[in-house]
Amino acid sequence: MTRKVRAGTRPPHAISTGRFSWLGLKVVTAKPTTGIAPYLHRLARRHHRDPGDVEDTVQDVLLTVHAIRHTYDPHRPFGPWLVAIAKRRIIDRLRRQVRTRAREVALDFEDVTFSTPEANLGEADWNKRVLGDAIERLPPGQREAVRLLKLQEMSLQQAAAASGVSVAALKVAMHRAMNNLRKMLTKSGGET
């Protein structure tokens, strides 16, 4: 029983005793995509549904073949060497996908509480107002540190030059301001 094979679609191991074995490394280093890429695509398609994953796997195999081409023995068949590399790369990618999918959670559109940004505008205004009120209740030195370092996003050196206070004093004022704001906002958050 013989199978009909279209020209140019035979796997590398089927012709390894002929053309590939006597060419040796020239096959691996010259143009691997002309002869082996279609075969690698078929191998990868057996295991991956997504065309992007198939292409990524083929690229992984081709890069690996290029990186370890020095291990190929020209006296041995090329096809089994290539298939062994391809199978290992396919398995590696499948394992990586399993690990990634175990960590990720797919969200549907229905899972989003407020899908439009307009739904949260009132809350953003309220947060700005509460934070602004809390900053206004800070002592003047701490309020100035927050204004320069956080609201105007100046560096410590720029803020020190603008305020006439040392860098160390600004750090202390900012630290105290953050602690005071945290206390004020947890109090106001608990009351509402």
Protein backbone atom coordinates (compact mmCIF):
# COMPACT_ATOMS: atom_id res chain seq x y z
CA MET A 1 0.00 0.00 0.00
CA THR A 2 1.59 3.24 -1.11
CA ARG A 3 0.56 6.74 -0.19
CA LYS A 4 0.46 9.53 -2.71
CA VAL A 5 2.61 12.43 -1.62
CA ARG A 6 2.48 15.82 -3.24
CA ALA A 7 5.77 17.21 -4.46
CA GLY A 8 7.54 19.29 -1.84
CA THR A 9 5.42 18.04 1.07
CA ARG A 10 7.43 15.02 2.13
CA PRO A 11 8.74 15.22 5.68
CA PRO A 12 12.51 15.66 6.04
CA HIS A 13 13.00 12.20 7.52
CA ALA A 14 11.40 10.61 4.45
CA ILE A 15 14.12 12.05 2.25
CA SER A 16 16.93 12.11 4.81
CA THR A 17 18.77 9.19 3.24
CA GLY A 18 18.93 11.08 -0.01
CA ARG A 19 19.39 14.80 -0.40
CA PHE A 20 19.67 15.92 3.24
CA SER A 21 22.15 13.43 4.65
CA TRP A 22 24.91 14.05 2.15
CA LEU A 23 24.44 17.85 2.30
CA GLY A 24 24.98 17.76 6.05
CA LEU A 25 25.15 21.12 7.77
CA LYS A 26 24.53 23.05 4.58
CA VAL A 27 20.84 22.17 4.95
CA VAL A 28 20.69 23.47 8.49
CA THR A 29 22.62 26.65 7.88
CA ALA A 30 21.60 27.59 4.34
CA LYS A 31 17.82 28.02 4.03
CA PRO A 32 15.96 25.87 6.54
CA THR A 33 12.66 27.58 5.85
CA THR A 34 12.43 26.41 2.25
CA GLY A 35 12.42 22.70 3.04
CA ILE A 36 11.56 22.21 6.67
CA ALA A 37 9.23 25.09 7.63
CA PRO A 38 6.13 23.63 5.92
CA TYR A 39 6.76 20.32 7.65
CA LEU A 40 7.28 22.06 11.00
CA HIS A 41 4.01 23.94 10.48
CA ARG A 42 2.18 20.65 10.01
CA LEU A 43 3.79 19.19 13.13
CA ALA A 44 2.88 22.25 15.20
CA ARG A 45 -0.69 22.35 13.85
CA ARG A 46 -1.28 18.88 15.28
CA HIS A 47 -0.85 20.28 18.79
CA HIS A 48 -1.91 23.94 18.56
CA ARG A 49 -5.20 25.42 17.42
CA ASP A 50 -4.18 29.06 17.36
CA PRO A 51 -2.24 30.05 14.21
CA GLY A 52 -0.14 32.40 16.33
CA ASP A 53 0.95 29.54 18.56
CA VAL A 54 1.78 27.45 15.49
CA GLU A 55 3.95 30.19 14.05
CA ASP A 56 5.64 30.85 17.41
CA THR A 57 6.41 27.16 17.78
CA VAL A 58 7.89 26.96 14.28
CA GLN A 59 10.04 29.99 15.02
CA ASP A 60 11.18 28.41 18.30
CA VAL A 61 12.15 25.24 16.44
CA LEU A 62 14.03 27.15 13.74
CA LEU A 63 15.90 29.20 16.34
CA THR A 64 16.79 26.08 18.27
CA VAL A 65 17.98 24.32 15.13
CA HIS A 66 20.16 27.30 14.36
CA ALA A 67 21.51 27.48 17.91
CA ILE A 68 22.39 23.77 18.15
CA ARG A 69 23.33 23.07 14.55
CA HIS A 70 26.81 22.11 15.76
CA THR A 71 25.31 18.96 17.32
CA TYR A 72 24.10 17.61 13.98
CA ASP A 73 26.16 14.69 12.66
CA PRO A 74 26.19 14.79 8.83
CA HIS A 75 26.64 11.00 8.75
CA ARG A 76 23.27 10.54 10.45
CA PRO A 77 19.81 11.24 8.99
CA PHE A 78 18.66 14.85 9.28
CA GLY A 79 14.94 14.15 9.70
CA PRO A 80 14.94 12.33 13.05
CA TRP A 81 17.26 14.98 14.50
CA LEU A 82 14.88 17.72 13.36
CA VAL A 83 11.75 15.90 14.54
CA ALA A 84 13.27 15.32 18.00
CA ILE A 85 13.99 19.04 18.33
CA ALA A 86 10.54 19.97 17.03
CA LYS A 87 8.76 17.64 19.44
CA ARG A 88 10.68 19.05 22.41
CA ARG A 89 9.89 22.65 21.40
CA ILE A 90 6.21 21.80 20.91
CA ILE A 91 6.08 20.16 24.35
CA ASP A 92 7.87 23.15 25.91
CA ARG A 93 5.34 25.57 24.43
CA LEU A 94 2.39 23.42 25.55
CA ARG A 95 3.78 23.31 29.10
CA ARG A 96 4.29 27.07 29.07
CA GLN A 97 0.68 27.56 27.94
CA VAL A 98 -0.62 25.31 30.72
CA ARG A 99 1.35 27.26 33.33
CA THR A 100 0.13 30.58 31.93
CA ARG A 101 -3.50 29.49 31.78
CA ALA A 102 -3.32 28.23 35.36
CA ARG A 103 -2.37 31.73 36.53
CA GLU A 104 -4.76 33.73 34.33
CA VAL A 105 -8.49 34.19 34.69
CA ALA A 106 -10.57 34.90 31.62
CA LEU A 107 -13.03 37.73 32.12
CA ASP A 108 -16.19 38.17 30.13
CA PHE A 109 -17.74 41.53 29.42
CA GLU A 110 -20.50 40.69 31.92
CA ASP A 111 -17.92 40.31 34.71
CA VAL A 112 -17.02 44.02 34.58
CA THR A 113 -18.99 46.00 37.15
CA PHE A 114 -18.80 49.38 35.46
CA SER A 115 -17.71 48.94 31.89
CA THR A 116 -17.94 52.60 30.86
CA PRO A 117 -15.69 55.27 32.34
CA GLU A 118 -18.66 57.63 32.72
CA ALA A 119 -20.09 55.35 35.42
CA ASN A 120 -17.22 56.19 37.78
CA LEU A 121 -17.05 59.97 37.26
CA GLY A 122 -18.97 60.83 40.41
CA GLU A 123 -16.73 58.63 42.51
CA ALA A 124 -13.59 60.22 41.04
CA ASP A 125 -14.89 63.72 41.85
CA TRP A 126 -15.73 62.64 45.39
CA ASN A 127 -12.23 61.14 45.85
CA LYS A 128 -10.59 64.36 44.61
CA ARG A 129 -12.69 66.46 46.97
CA VAL A 130 -11.98 64.24 50.00
CA LEU A 131 -8.26 64.12 49.25
CA GLY A 132 -8.12 67.89 48.66
CA ASP A 133 -9.86 68.53 51.98
CA ALA A 134 -7.45 66.21 53.78
CA ILE A 135 -4.43 67.94 52.23
CA GLU A 136 -5.80 71.35 53.29
CA ARG A 137 -6.02 70.14 56.93
CA LEU A 138 -2.29 69.27 56.99
CA PRO A 139 0.18 71.60 58.73
CA PRO A 140 1.71 74.17 56.32
CA GLY A 141 5.14 72.46 55.96
CA GLN A 142 3.62 69.07 55.20
CA ARG A 143 1.05 70.59 52.85
CA GLU A 144 3.86 72.35 50.93
CA ALA A 145 5.84 69.08 50.68
CA VAL A 146 2.81 67.24 49.26
CA ARG A 147 2.08 70.06 46.83
CA LEU A 148 5.64 70.22 45.49
CA LEU A 149 6.61 66.54 45.52
CA LYS A 150 3.34 64.78 44.68
CA LEU A 151 1.03 67.26 42.97
CA GLN A 152 3.64 69.18 40.95
CA GLU A 153 5.89 66.08 40.70
CA MET A 154 9.12 67.94 41.42
CA SER A 155 12.31 66.13 42.36
CA LEU A 156 13.61 66.50 45.91
CA GLN A 157 16.32 68.91 44.75
CA GLN A 158 13.85 71.05 42.78
CA ALA A 159 11.39 71.13 45.69
CA ALA A 160 14.17 72.02 48.14
CA ALA A 161 15.26 74.91 45.91
CA ALA A 162 11.67 76.14 45.46
CA SER A 163 10.75 75.96 49.15
CA GLY A 164 14.09 76.90 50.71
CA VAL A 165 14.00 73.78 52.90
CA SER A 166 16.68 71.08 52.95
CA VAL A 167 16.17 67.76 51.17
CA ALA A 168 16.20 65.90 54.49
CA ALA A 169 13.53 68.20 55.95
CA LEU A 170 11.37 67.66 52.83
CA LYS A 171 11.67 63.89 53.20
CA VAL A 172 10.61 64.08 56.84
CA ALA A 173 7.70 66.43 56.04
CA MET A 174 6.53 64.18 53.21
CA HIS A 175 6.71 61.07 55.39
CA ARG A 176 4.71 62.75 58.14
CA ALA A 177 2.22 64.10 55.63
CA MET A 178 1.62 60.63 54.18
CA ASN A 179 1.07 59.19 57.66
CA ASN A 180 -1.35 62.00 58.55
CA LEU A 181 -3.23 61.63 55.26
CA ARG A 182 -3.52 57.89 55.79
CA LYS A 183 -5.02 58.47 59.24
CA MET A 184 -7.42 61.16 58.00
CA LEU A 185 -8.62 59.13 55.02
CA THR A 186 -9.15 55.91 56.98
CA LYS A 187 -11.22 57.92 59.49
CA SER A 188 -13.32 59.59 56.79
CA GLY A 189 -13.64 56.29 54.89
CA GLY A 190 -14.98 54.54 58.00
CA GLU A 191 -17.58 57.24 58.65
CA THR A 192 -19.15 57.23 55.18
